[in-house]
């Protein structure tokens, strides 16, 4: 469970990264050019609710997400943190920044994979 040291970066790394990685690949391929915009808009729209559990339900209705087992614990750490109001405020107000953190993480992952292959 997350303590008082909950930050926007932790939310991006634990919640949003897990959701991003769990988006079905066919959806990412179909909307290749717009996928990050779809993700950002879905986060912002889903954050206009009263709880993180409801946020998770809404975002999964907007984008096909099947949460991968390896991200389940991190996602639950945030969703069950008891910090719903603060996290939802960040997801509404700082969506672009939080998604940018995920984009950087994704670029780093791609670079690591590229280096492994060469």
Protein backbone atom coordinates (compact mmCIF):
# COMPACT_ATOMS: atom_id res chain seq x y z
CA UNK A 1 0.00 0.00 0.00
CA UNK A 2 1.25 3.47 -0.85
CA UNK A 3 2.00 5.74 2.10
CA UNK A 4 2.25 9.53 2.35
CA UNK A 5 5.02 9.56 -0.25
CA UNK A 6 2.52 9.11 -3.07
CA UNK A 7 3.55 11.35 -5.98
CA UNK A 8 2.39 11.96 -9.51
CA UNK A 9 5.42 10.03 -10.73
CA UNK A 10 4.48 6.99 -8.65
CA UNK A 11 0.96 7.16 -10.10
CA UNK A 12 2.42 7.32 -13.62
CA UNK A 13 4.86 4.47 -12.99
CA UNK A 14 2.48 2.16 -11.14
CA UNK A 15 -1.02 2.89 -12.41
CA UNK A 16 -0.74 4.43 -15.85
CA UNK A 17 2.26 2.41 -17.03
CA UNK A 18 0.46 -0.81 -16.10
CA UNK A 19 -2.65 0.33 -17.93
CA UNK A 20 -0.65 1.42 -20.99
CA UNK A 21 1.20 -1.89 -21.20
CA UNK A 22 -2.11 -3.75 -20.80
CA UNK A 23 -3.88 -2.10 -23.74
CA UNK A 24 -4.59 -4.77 -26.30
CA UNK A 25 -1.96 -4.74 -29.04
CA UNK A 26 -4.57 -4.88 -31.80
CA UNK A 27 -6.00 -1.58 -30.53
CA UNK A 28 -2.54 0.02 -30.39
CA UNK A 29 -1.88 -1.13 -33.95
CA UNK A 30 -5.25 0.01 -35.27
CA UNK A 31 -4.85 3.51 -33.78
CA UNK A 32 -1.07 3.72 -34.09
CA UNK A 33 -0.97 7.44 -34.88
CA UNK A 34 -3.58 8.48 -32.31
CA UNK A 35 -3.05 5.96 -29.51
CA UNK A 36 -1.39 8.35 -27.07
CA UNK A 37 -4.19 10.87 -27.57
CA UNK A 38 -6.79 8.15 -27.01
CA UNK A 39 -4.99 7.09 -23.83
CA UNK A 40 -4.74 10.66 -22.51
CA UNK A 41 -8.38 11.46 -23.29
CA UNK A 42 -9.58 8.21 -21.72
CA UNK A 43 -7.62 8.91 -18.53
CA UNK A 44 -8.95 12.45 -18.24
CA UNK A 45 -12.55 11.43 -18.89
CA UNK A 46 -12.44 8.42 -16.57
CA UNK A 47 -10.96 10.52 -13.76
CA UNK A 48 -14.21 12.48 -13.41
CA UNK A 49 -15.58 10.01 -10.91
CA UNK A 50 -15.58 9.52 -7.16
CA UNK A 51 -13.21 6.57 -6.74
CA UNK A 52 -10.17 4.95 -8.28
CA UNK A 53 -12.02 1.66 -8.57
CA UNK A 54 -14.66 3.39 -10.68
CA UNK A 55 -11.89 5.14 -12.67
CA UNK A 56 -10.40 1.74 -13.47
CA UNK A 57 -13.77 0.40 -14.58
CA UNK A 58 -14.50 3.42 -16.78
CA UNK A 59 -11.12 3.50 -18.52
CA UNK A 60 -11.44 -0.21 -19.29
CA UNK A 61 -14.78 0.54 -20.96
CA UNK A 62 -13.22 3.28 -23.10
CA UNK A 63 -10.10 1.39 -24.20
CA UNK A 64 -9.69 -2.40 -24.48
CA UNK A 65 -7.43 -3.17 -21.53
CA UNK A 66 -6.73 -6.62 -20.17
CA UNK A 67 -4.55 -6.02 -17.12
CA UNK A 68 -1.42 -8.09 -17.37
CA UNK A 69 -0.54 -10.09 -14.26
CA UNK A 70 2.88 -8.46 -13.92
CA UNK A 71 1.24 -5.01 -13.49
CA UNK A 72 -1.68 -6.07 -11.32
CA UNK A 73 0.01 -5.47 -7.95
CA UNK A 74 1.28 -2.01 -8.92
CA UNK A 75 -2.11 -0.95 -10.24
CA UNK A 76 -3.82 -2.21 -7.09
CA UNK A 77 -1.27 -0.37 -4.91
CA UNK A 78 -2.56 2.91 -6.32
CA UNK A 79 -6.24 1.96 -6.63
CA UNK A 80 -6.34 0.72 -3.03
CA UNK A 81 -4.10 3.45 -1.60
CA UNK A 82 -6.96 5.38 -0.02
CA UNK A 83 -5.74 8.49 -1.84
CA UNK A 84 -8.59 8.57 -4.35
CA UNK A 85 -9.25 12.31 -4.19
CA UNK A 86 -5.60 13.29 -4.64
CA UNK A 87 -4.89 10.79 -7.42
CA UNK A 88 -8.09 11.62 -9.30
CA UNK A 89 -7.22 15.33 -9.04
CA UNK A 90 -3.82 14.61 -10.60
CA UNK A 91 -5.39 12.44 -13.31
CA UNK A 92 -7.75 15.28 -14.22
CA UNK A 93 -5.43 18.28 -13.88
CA UNK A 94 -2.05 16.85 -14.92
CA UNK A 95 -3.06 14.23 -17.46
CA UNK A 96 -0.68 15.47 -20.15
CA UNK A 97 2.30 15.36 -17.79
CA UNK A 98 1.42 11.89 -16.48
CA UNK A 99 1.02 10.51 -20.00
CA UNK A 100 4.33 12.11 -20.96
CA UNK A 101 6.00 10.18 -18.13
CA UNK A 102 4.55 6.99 -19.64
CA UNK A 103 5.73 7.98 -23.11
CA UNK A 104 9.26 8.48 -21.81
CA UNK A 105 9.11 5.10 -20.08
CA UNK A 106 7.92 3.55 -23.34
CA UNK A 107 10.77 5.14 -25.32
CA UNK A 108 13.28 3.88 -22.76
CA UNK A 109 11.80 0.37 -23.00
CA UNK A 110 12.01 0.45 -26.79
CA UNK A 111 15.61 1.68 -26.65
CA UNK A 112 16.57 -1.13 -24.25
CA UNK A 113 14.96 -3.69 -26.54
CA UNK A 114 16.78 -2.22 -29.53
CA UNK A 115 20.12 -2.40 -27.69
CA UNK A 116 19.50 -6.02 -26.73
CA UNK A 117 18.86 -6.94 -30.37
CA UNK A 118 22.08 -5.31 -31.61
